[in-house]
């Protein structure tokens, strides 16, 4: 059985010519590791070194998005990921319970995209700004599952050129 990291690497390698973003820098990687030492696996940082994902625009049609809303997402830079998790909601609340911000909405809702790091498959979710209670705590029932695992997302998503 192929592990998640290997599967993601195989898929991204097969789509390398479509990826039009940039790779993470060593300085950015160190900031991510420092900020998210318990949330982000080293192999995931290595994926960001090896593949130009940062700034890539991804689209997923409504019929391929489990939430049936469709996805327009730009992969976040390290600075955007850190900002979403330390300066903005729902990111502040989401990180506390294991969600890592990875994408900005390009459709206009402003609802960010996260990886659920509590699940080994790293499902991609959208967390609406309304998914917070009056105390700023995340209402996990309001989280919208987009794709059940990150490798599947990279396999089926359209990469905008």
N, C-alpha and C. Protein backbone atom coordinates (compact mmCIF):
# COMPACT_ATOMS: atom_id res chain seq x y z
N UNK A 1 0.84 -1.18 0.00
CA UNK A 1 0.00 0.00 0.00
C UNK A 1 0.89 1.25 0.00
N UNK A 2 0.54 2.19 -0.84
CA UNK A 2 1.29 3.43 -0.96
C UNK A 2 0.82 4.39 0.12
N UNK A 3 1.77 4.99 0.85
CA UNK A 3 1.39 5.93 1.89
C UNK A 3 0.97 7.27 1.28
N UNK A 4 0.35 8.11 2.09
CA UNK A 4 -0.20 9.38 1.62
C UNK A 4 0.88 10.25 1.00
N UNK A 5 2.00 10.39 1.66
CA UNK A 5 3.07 11.23 1.14
C UNK A 5 3.50 10.77 -0.24
N UNK A 6 3.72 9.47 -0.40
CA UNK A 6 4.15 8.93 -1.69
C UNK A 6 3.09 9.14 -2.76
N UNK A 7 1.84 8.94 -2.39
CA UNK A 7 0.75 9.12 -3.35
C UNK A 7 0.66 10.58 -3.80
N UNK A 8 0.76 11.50 -2.85
CA UNK A 8 0.73 12.93 -3.20
C UNK A 8 1.90 13.27 -4.12
N UNK A 9 3.08 12.75 -3.81
CA UNK A 9 4.26 13.00 -4.64
C UNK A 9 4.07 12.46 -6.06
N UNK A 10 3.51 11.26 -6.18
CA UNK A 10 3.27 10.69 -7.51
C UNK A 10 2.29 11.54 -8.31
N UNK A 11 1.23 11.96 -7.68
CA UNK A 11 0.22 12.77 -8.37
C UNK A 11 0.79 14.12 -8.78
N UNK A 12 1.45 14.80 -7.84
CA UNK A 12 2.00 16.12 -8.16
C UNK A 12 3.11 16.01 -9.21
N UNK A 13 3.89 14.95 -9.16
CA UNK A 13 4.93 14.74 -10.19
C UNK A 13 4.32 14.60 -11.57
N UNK A 14 3.18 13.91 -11.63
CA UNK A 14 2.51 13.72 -12.93
C UNK A 14 1.87 15.01 -13.44
N UNK A 15 1.71 15.99 -12.55
CA UNK A 15 1.05 17.24 -12.92
C UNK A 15 1.99 18.45 -12.82
N UNK A 16 3.29 18.19 -12.72
CA UNK A 16 4.27 19.24 -12.46
C UNK A 16 4.21 20.37 -13.49
N UNK A 17 3.95 20.03 -14.74
CA UNK A 17 3.89 21.06 -15.79
C UNK A 17 2.69 21.99 -15.64
N UNK A 18 1.67 21.55 -14.92
CA UNK A 18 0.49 22.38 -14.69
C UNK A 18 0.66 23.33 -13.50
N UNK A 19 1.53 22.96 -12.57
CA UNK A 19 1.70 23.75 -11.36
C UNK A 19 2.42 25.05 -11.69
N UNK A 20 1.74 26.17 -11.45
CA UNK A 20 2.29 27.45 -11.86
C UNK A 20 2.55 28.40 -10.69
N UNK A 21 2.70 27.82 -9.51
CA UNK A 21 2.99 28.63 -8.34
C UNK A 21 4.49 28.68 -8.10
N UNK A 22 4.85 28.76 -6.85
CA UNK A 22 6.26 28.77 -6.48
C UNK A 22 6.49 27.80 -5.32
N UNK A 23 7.73 27.49 -5.10
CA UNK A 23 8.12 26.62 -4.00
C UNK A 23 8.36 27.45 -2.74
N UNK A 24 8.26 26.82 -1.61
CA UNK A 24 8.51 27.48 -0.34
C UNK A 24 10.02 27.74 -0.19
N UNK A 25 10.36 28.83 0.48
CA UNK A 25 11.77 29.12 0.76
C UNK A 25 12.15 28.48 2.10
N UNK A 26 13.44 28.39 2.36
CA UNK A 26 13.90 27.83 3.64
C UNK A 26 13.43 28.71 4.80
N UNK A 27 13.47 30.01 4.62
CA UNK A 27 13.04 30.93 5.67
C UNK A 27 11.55 30.73 5.98
N UNK A 28 10.73 30.60 4.93
CA UNK A 28 9.29 30.36 5.12
C UNK A 28 9.04 29.03 5.81
N UNK A 29 9.79 28.01 5.41
CA UNK A 29 9.63 26.68 6.01
C UNK A 29 9.93 26.73 7.50
N UNK A 30 10.97 27.42 7.87
CA UNK A 30 11.33 27.53 9.29
C UNK A 30 10.22 28.24 10.07
N UNK A 31 9.62 29.27 9.48
CA UNK A 31 8.51 29.97 10.15
C UNK A 31 7.31 29.04 10.34
N UNK A 32 7.00 28.25 9.30
CA UNK A 32 5.89 27.30 9.42
C UNK A 32 6.17 26.26 10.50
N UNK A 33 7.39 25.73 10.50
CA UNK A 33 7.75 24.71 11.50
C UNK A 33 7.66 25.29 12.91
N UNK A 34 8.10 26.50 13.07
CA UNK A 34 8.07 27.14 14.39
C UNK A 34 6.64 27.40 14.84
N UNK A 35 5.82 27.89 13.92
CA UNK A 35 4.44 28.23 14.26
C UNK A 35 3.56 27.00 14.44
N UNK A 36 3.79 25.97 13.63
CA UNK A 36 2.90 24.80 13.61
C UNK A 36 3.63 23.50 13.92
N UNK A 37 4.53 23.51 14.88
CA UNK A 37 5.36 22.34 15.15
C UNK A 37 4.54 21.07 15.40
N UNK A 38 3.36 21.22 15.97
CA UNK A 38 2.54 20.03 16.26
C UNK A 38 1.52 19.72 15.17
N UNK A 39 1.29 20.66 14.26
CA UNK A 39 0.26 20.47 13.24
C UNK A 39 0.79 20.02 11.89
N UNK A 40 1.98 20.43 11.56
CA UNK A 40 2.45 20.22 10.19
C UNK A 40 3.59 19.19 10.15
N UNK A 41 3.38 18.10 9.44
CA UNK A 41 4.44 17.08 9.36
C UNK A 41 5.60 17.56 8.48
N UNK A 42 6.80 17.11 8.80
CA UNK A 42 7.98 17.50 8.00
C UNK A 42 7.82 17.11 6.54
N UNK A 43 7.22 15.95 6.27
CA UNK A 43 7.07 15.53 4.88
C UNK A 43 6.21 16.51 4.10
N UNK A 44 5.26 17.16 4.78
CA UNK A 44 4.41 18.12 4.08
C UNK A 44 5.21 19.37 3.71
N UNK A 45 6.09 19.80 4.60
CA UNK A 45 6.99 20.92 4.28
C UNK A 45 7.84 20.54 3.07
N UNK A 46 8.31 19.29 3.04
CA UNK A 46 9.12 18.84 1.90
C UNK A 46 8.34 18.87 0.60
N UNK A 47 7.05 18.58 0.65
CA UNK A 47 6.20 18.68 -0.55
C UNK A 47 6.21 20.13 -1.05
N UNK A 48 6.12 21.08 -0.12
CA UNK A 48 6.12 22.50 -0.50
C UNK A 48 7.47 22.93 -1.06
N UNK A 49 8.56 22.27 -0.65
CA UNK A 49 9.89 22.53 -1.23
C UNK A 49 9.98 21.98 -2.65
N UNK A 50 9.37 20.82 -2.86
CA UNK A 50 9.56 20.09 -4.11
C UNK A 50 8.57 20.46 -5.23
N UNK A 51 7.44 21.04 -4.86
CA UNK A 51 6.42 21.33 -5.86
C UNK A 51 5.95 22.78 -5.73
N UNK A 52 5.80 23.48 -6.86
CA UNK A 52 5.41 24.90 -6.83
C UNK A 52 3.90 25.09 -6.62
N UNK A 53 3.47 24.87 -5.38
CA UNK A 53 2.04 24.97 -5.04
C UNK A 53 1.62 26.38 -4.61
N UNK A 54 2.52 27.12 -3.98
CA UNK A 54 2.16 28.42 -3.41
C UNK A 54 1.73 29.37 -4.53
N UNK A 55 0.51 29.88 -4.40
CA UNK A 55 -0.04 30.78 -5.40
C UNK A 55 -0.79 30.10 -6.52
N UNK A 56 -0.77 28.77 -6.56
CA UNK A 56 -1.55 28.04 -7.57
C UNK A 56 -3.03 28.23 -7.30
N UNK A 57 -3.79 28.42 -8.38
CA UNK A 57 -5.24 28.50 -8.28
C UNK A 57 -5.84 27.16 -8.67
N UNK A 58 -6.69 26.64 -7.78
CA UNK A 58 -7.32 25.35 -7.99
C UNK A 58 -8.84 25.52 -8.07
N UNK A 59 -9.46 24.76 -8.96
CA UNK A 59 -10.92 24.76 -9.05
C UNK A 59 -11.43 23.33 -9.03
N UNK A 60 -12.54 23.18 -8.32
CA UNK A 60 -13.21 21.89 -8.23
C UNK A 60 -14.69 22.14 -8.47
N UNK A 61 -15.26 21.44 -9.43
CA UNK A 61 -16.67 21.63 -9.75
C UNK A 61 -17.56 21.17 -8.60
N UNK A 62 -18.79 21.64 -8.62
CA UNK A 62 -19.75 21.29 -7.57
C UNK A 62 -19.95 19.79 -7.46
N UNK A 63 -19.92 19.09 -8.60
CA UNK A 63 -20.18 17.65 -8.55
C UNK A 63 -18.99 16.86 -8.01
N UNK A 64 -17.79 17.44 -7.97
CA UNK A 64 -16.63 16.75 -7.40
C UNK A 64 -16.34 17.19 -5.96
N UNK A 65 -16.93 18.29 -5.55
CA UNK A 65 -16.78 18.80 -4.18
C UNK A 65 -17.83 18.12 -3.31
N UNK A 66 -17.41 17.45 -2.26
CA UNK A 66 -18.35 16.73 -1.40
C UNK A 66 -19.41 17.67 -0.83
N UNK A 67 -19.04 18.92 -0.56
CA UNK A 67 -20.01 19.90 -0.03
C UNK A 67 -20.97 20.41 -1.11
N UNK A 68 -20.68 20.07 -2.36
CA UNK A 68 -21.48 20.44 -3.53
C UNK A 68 -21.55 21.94 -3.78
N UNK A 69 -20.58 22.70 -3.25
CA UNK A 69 -20.55 24.14 -3.47
C UNK A 69 -19.55 24.54 -4.55
N UNK A 70 -18.61 23.68 -4.84
CA UNK A 70 -17.54 24.01 -5.76
C UNK A 70 -16.42 24.72 -5.02
N UNK A 71 -15.23 24.65 -5.59
CA UNK A 71 -14.05 25.22 -4.95
C UNK A 71 -13.33 26.14 -5.92
N UNK A 72 -13.02 27.31 -5.45
CA UNK A 72 -12.07 28.22 -6.09
C UNK A 72 -11.09 28.58 -5.00
N UNK A 73 -9.86 28.10 -5.11
CA UNK A 73 -8.91 28.24 -4.01
C UNK A 73 -7.53 28.54 -4.53
N UNK A 74 -6.85 29.46 -3.86
CA UNK A 74 -5.43 29.71 -4.13
C UNK A 74 -4.63 29.18 -2.94
N UNK A 75 -3.59 28.39 -3.23
CA UNK A 75 -2.75 27.84 -2.17
C UNK A 75 -2.02 28.98 -1.48
N UNK A 76 -2.11 29.00 -0.15
CA UNK A 76 -1.54 30.08 0.64
C UNK A 76 -0.02 30.03 0.71
N UNK A 77 0.55 31.22 0.86
CA UNK A 77 1.97 31.31 1.19
C UNK A 77 2.12 31.02 2.68
N UNK A 78 3.34 30.86 3.14
CA UNK A 78 3.58 30.65 4.57
C UNK A 78 3.07 31.84 5.37
N UNK A 79 3.30 33.05 4.87
CA UNK A 79 2.85 34.25 5.57
C UNK A 79 1.32 34.27 5.69
N UNK A 80 0.63 33.88 4.61
CA UNK A 80 -0.84 33.85 4.65
C UNK A 80 -1.34 32.79 5.64
N UNK A 81 -0.69 31.64 5.65
CA UNK A 81 -1.08 30.56 6.56
C UNK A 81 -0.91 31.01 8.01
N UNK A 82 0.20 31.63 8.30
CA UNK A 82 0.47 32.12 9.66
C UNK A 82 -0.51 33.22 10.03
N UNK A 83 -0.76 34.14 9.12
CA UNK A 83 -1.71 35.24 9.38
C UNK A 83 -3.11 34.70 9.65
N UNK A 84 -3.58 33.78 8.82
CA UNK A 84 -4.92 33.22 9.02
C UNK A 84 -5.04 32.53 10.37
N UNK A 85 -3.97 31.92 10.83
CA UNK A 85 -4.03 31.15 12.07
C UNK A 85 -3.75 31.96 13.33
N UNK A 86 -3.22 33.16 13.16
CA UNK A 86 -2.86 33.96 14.34
C UNK A 86 -3.57 35.30 14.43
N UNK A 87 -4.14 35.76 13.30
CA UNK A 87 -4.73 37.10 13.28
C UNK A 87 -6.18 37.14 12.83
N UNK A 88 -6.72 36.02 12.37
CA UNK A 88 -8.06 36.05 11.78
C UNK A 88 -8.89 34.85 12.22
N UNK A 89 -10.19 35.07 12.23
CA UNK A 89 -11.13 33.98 12.45
C UNK A 89 -11.73 33.61 11.11
N UNK A 90 -11.96 32.35 10.84
CA UNK A 90 -12.01 31.22 11.75
C UNK A 90 -10.66 30.55 12.02
N UNK A 91 -9.58 31.04 11.41
CA UNK A 91 -8.28 30.40 11.55
C UNK A 91 -7.79 30.22 12.97
N UNK A 92 -7.92 31.25 13.77
CA UNK A 92 -7.46 31.16 15.16
C UNK A 92 -8.14 30.01 15.88
N UNK A 93 -9.45 29.92 15.72
CA UNK A 93 -10.21 28.85 16.38
C UNK A 93 -9.92 27.49 15.75
N UNK A 94 -9.73 27.45 14.45
CA UNK A 94 -9.53 26.18 13.75
C UNK A 94 -8.20 25.53 14.10
N UNK A 95 -7.15 26.32 14.18
CA UNK A 95 -5.83 25.77 14.49
C UNK A 95 -5.82 25.12 15.87
N UNK A 96 -6.57 25.69 16.79
CA UNK A 96 -6.61 25.15 18.16
C UNK A 96 -7.13 23.72 18.21
N UNK A 97 -7.93 23.33 17.21
CA UNK A 97 -8.49 21.98 17.19
C UNK A 97 -7.96 21.13 16.02
N UNK A 98 -6.81 21.54 15.46
CA UNK A 98 -6.13 20.67 14.50
C UNK A 98 -6.32 20.94 13.03
N UNK A 99 -6.80 22.11 12.65
CA UNK A 99 -6.98 22.44 11.24
C UNK A 99 -5.88 23.40 10.79
N UNK A 100 -5.20 23.09 9.70
CA UNK A 100 -4.11 23.89 9.18
C UNK A 100 -4.60 24.68 7.96
N UNK A 101 -4.54 26.02 7.99
CA UNK A 101 -4.97 26.80 6.83
C UNK A 101 -4.04 26.60 5.63
N UNK A 102 -4.62 26.34 4.46
CA UNK A 102 -3.80 26.14 3.26
C UNK A 102 -4.31 26.91 2.04
N UNK A 103 -5.57 27.36 2.06
CA UNK A 103 -6.10 27.98 0.86
C UNK A 103 -7.01 29.17 1.12
N UNK A 104 -6.93 30.13 0.18
CA UNK A 104 -7.81 31.30 0.21
C UNK A 104 -8.88 31.12 -0.86
N UNK A 105 -10.09 31.53 -0.53
CA UNK A 105 -11.19 31.45 -1.49
C UNK A 105 -10.98 32.45 -2.62
N UNK A 106 -11.16 31.99 -3.84
CA UNK A 106 -11.08 32.89 -4.99
C UNK A 106 -12.46 33.15 -5.59
N UNK A 107 -13.50 32.64 -4.95
CA UNK A 107 -14.87 32.84 -5.43
C UNK A 107 -15.57 34.02 -4.77
N UNK A 108 -14.96 34.59 -3.74
CA UNK A 108 -15.55 35.77 -3.13
C UNK A 108 -16.13 35.61 -1.74
N UNK A 109 -16.30 34.39 -1.26
CA UNK A 109 -16.87 34.21 0.08
C UNK A 109 -15.87 34.58 1.17
N UNK A 110 -14.59 34.42 0.86
CA UNK A 110 -13.56 34.67 1.85
C UNK A 110 -13.36 33.54 2.83
N UNK A 111 -14.13 32.47 2.69
CA UNK A 111 -14.00 31.34 3.60
C UNK A 111 -12.74 30.55 3.27
N UNK A 112 -11.83 30.43 4.23
CA UNK A 112 -10.57 29.74 3.96
C UNK A 112 -10.70 28.22 3.95
N UNK A 113 -9.68 27.59 3.37
CA UNK A 113 -9.61 26.14 3.27
C UNK A 113 -8.52 25.63 4.21
N UNK A 114 -8.77 24.46 4.79
CA UNK A 114 -7.89 23.89 5.80
C UNK A 114 -7.69 22.41 5.54
N UNK A 115 -6.56 21.89 6.05
CA UNK A 115 -6.36 20.45 6.12
C UNK A 115 -6.68 20.02 7.54
N UNK A 116 -7.44 18.95 7.66
CA UNK A 116 -7.74 18.39 8.98
C UNK A 116 -6.58 17.49 9.37
N UNK A 117 -5.68 18.02 10.20
CA UNK A 117 -4.48 17.27 10.56
C UNK A 117 -4.74 16.18 11.59
N UNK A 118 -5.96 16.11 12.11
CA UNK A 118 -6.32 15.04 13.05
C UNK A 118 -6.58 13.73 12.31
N UNK A 119 -6.75 13.81 10.99
CA UNK A 119 -7.04 12.65 10.16
C UNK A 119 -5.83 12.37 9.28
N UNK A 120 -5.32 11.15 9.30
CA UNK A 120 -4.12 10.79 8.55
C UNK A 120 -4.26 11.04 7.05
N UNK A 121 -5.47 11.04 6.52
CA UNK A 121 -5.69 11.26 5.09
C UNK A 121 -5.65 12.74 4.71
N UNK A 122 -5.57 13.62 5.69
CA UNK A 122 -5.57 15.07 5.49
C UNK A 122 -6.73 15.55 4.61
N UNK A 123 -7.96 15.37 5.08
CA UNK A 123 -9.10 15.87 4.31
C UNK A 123 -9.02 17.39 4.14
N UNK A 124 -9.47 17.87 3.00
CA UNK A 124 -9.55 19.30 2.74
C UNK A 124 -10.95 19.77 3.10
N UNK A 125 -11.02 20.82 3.91
CA UNK A 125 -12.31 21.37 4.33
C UNK A 125 -12.34 22.87 4.11
N UNK A 126 -13.55 23.38 4.04
CA UNK A 126 -13.78 24.83 4.00
C UNK A 126 -14.43 25.18 5.32
N UNK A 127 -13.94 26.22 5.97
CA UNK A 127 -14.54 26.64 7.24
C UNK A 127 -15.14 28.02 7.06
N UNK A 128 -16.47 28.07 6.99
CA UNK A 128 -17.14 29.37 6.85
C UNK A 128 -16.90 30.25 8.07
N UNK A 129 -16.91 31.54 7.83
CA UNK A 129 -16.75 32.48 8.95
C UNK A 129 -17.90 32.34 9.95
N UNK A 130 -19.01 31.79 9.51
CA UNK A 130 -20.17 31.60 10.39
C UNK A 130 -20.05 30.35 11.27
N UNK A 131 -18.96 29.60 11.11
CA UNK A 131 -18.78 28.36 11.87
C UNK A 131 -18.15 28.63 13.24
N UNK A 132 -18.51 29.73 13.83
CA UNK A 132 -18.00 30.11 15.16
C UNK A 132 -19.17 30.43 16.06
N UNK A 133 -19.05 30.04 17.32
CA UNK A 133 -20.10 30.42 18.27
C UNK A 133 -19.82 31.83 18.78
N UNK A 134 -20.66 32.33 19.68
CA UNK A 134 -20.54 33.71 20.15
C UNK A 134 -19.25 33.97 20.92
N UNK A 135 -18.59 32.89 21.36
CA UNK A 135 -17.32 33.02 22.08
C UNK A 135 -16.10 32.83 21.18
N UNK A 136 -16.34 32.69 19.87
CA UNK A 136 -15.24 32.50 18.93
C UNK A 136 -14.72 31.08 18.85
N UNK A 137 -15.49 30.15 19.40
CA UNK A 137 -15.10 28.74 19.34
C UNK A 137 -15.65 28.11 18.06
N UNK A 138 -14.86 27.24 17.46
CA UNK A 138 -15.25 26.59 16.21
C UNK A 138 -16.43 25.64 16.43
N UNK A 139 -17.42 25.74 15.55
CA UNK A 139 -18.55 24.80 15.54
C UNK A 139 -18.22 23.77 14.46
N UNK A 140 -17.66 22.64 14.89
CA UNK A 140 -17.14 21.67 13.92
C UNK A 140 -18.23 21.08 13.02
N UNK A 141 -19.47 21.07 13.49
CA UNK A 141 -20.57 20.55 12.64
C UNK A 141 -20.81 21.44 11.42
N UNK A 142 -20.35 22.68 11.46
CA UNK A 142 -20.54 23.62 10.35
C UNK A 142 -19.40 23.59 9.34
N UNK A 143 -18.39 22.80 9.60
CA UNK A 143 -17.26 22.68 8.67
C UNK A 143 -17.73 21.91 7.44
N UNK A 144 -17.32 22.38 6.27
CA UNK A 144 -17.75 21.78 5.01
C UNK A 144 -16.64 20.91 4.43
N UNK A 145 -16.88 19.61 4.36
CA UNK A 145 -15.91 18.69 3.77
C UNK A 145 -15.90 18.88 2.26
N UNK A 146 -14.73 19.14 1.72
CA UNK A 146 -14.57 19.35 0.28
C UNK A 146 -14.07 18.07 -0.38
N UNK A 147 -13.04 17.47 0.21
CA UNK A 147 -12.44 16.27 -0.35
C UNK A 147 -11.93 15.41 0.80
N UNK A 148 -12.20 14.13 0.75
CA UNK A 148 -11.91 13.25 1.89
C UNK A 148 -10.42 13.00 2.13
N UNK A 149 -9.58 13.29 1.14
CA UNK A 149 -8.13 13.20 1.36
C UNK A 149 -7.40 14.08 0.37
N UNK A 150 -6.23 14.54 0.80
CA UNK A 150 -5.48 15.50 0.00
C UNK A 150 -4.98 14.91 -1.31
N UNK A 151 -4.62 13.65 -1.31
CA UNK A 151 -4.15 13.05 -2.57
C UNK A 151 -5.26 13.03 -3.61
N UNK A 152 -6.47 12.71 -3.20
CA UNK A 152 -7.59 12.72 -4.13
C UNK A 152 -7.85 14.13 -4.66
N UNK A 153 -7.75 15.12 -3.79
CA UNK A 153 -7.93 16.50 -4.22
C UNK A 153 -6.95 16.84 -5.35
N UNK A 154 -5.67 16.55 -5.15
CA UNK A 154 -4.68 16.86 -6.18
C UNK A 154 -4.90 16.07 -7.46
N UNK A 155 -5.53 14.91 -7.33
CA UNK A 155 -5.79 14.07 -8.49
C UNK A 155 -6.94 14.61 -9.35
N UNK A 156 -7.98 15.14 -8.72
CA UNK A 156 -9.19 15.53 -9.47
C UNK A 156 -9.34 17.03 -9.73
N UNK A 157 -8.57 17.85 -9.05
CA UNK A 157 -8.75 19.30 -9.15
C UNK A 157 -8.23 19.83 -10.49
N UNK A 158 -8.88 20.89 -10.96
CA UNK A 158 -8.40 21.62 -12.14
C UNK A 158 -7.42 22.67 -11.64
N UNK A 159 -6.29 22.80 -12.34
CA UNK A 159 -5.30 23.81 -11.99
C UNK A 159 -5.43 24.93 -13.03
N UNK A 160 -5.78 26.11 -12.53
CA UNK A 160 -6.00 27.25 -13.43
C UNK A 160 -4.66 27.76 -13.96
N UNK A 161 -4.66 28.09 -15.23
CA UNK A 161 -3.43 28.60 -15.87
C UNK A 161 -3.47 30.10 -16.05
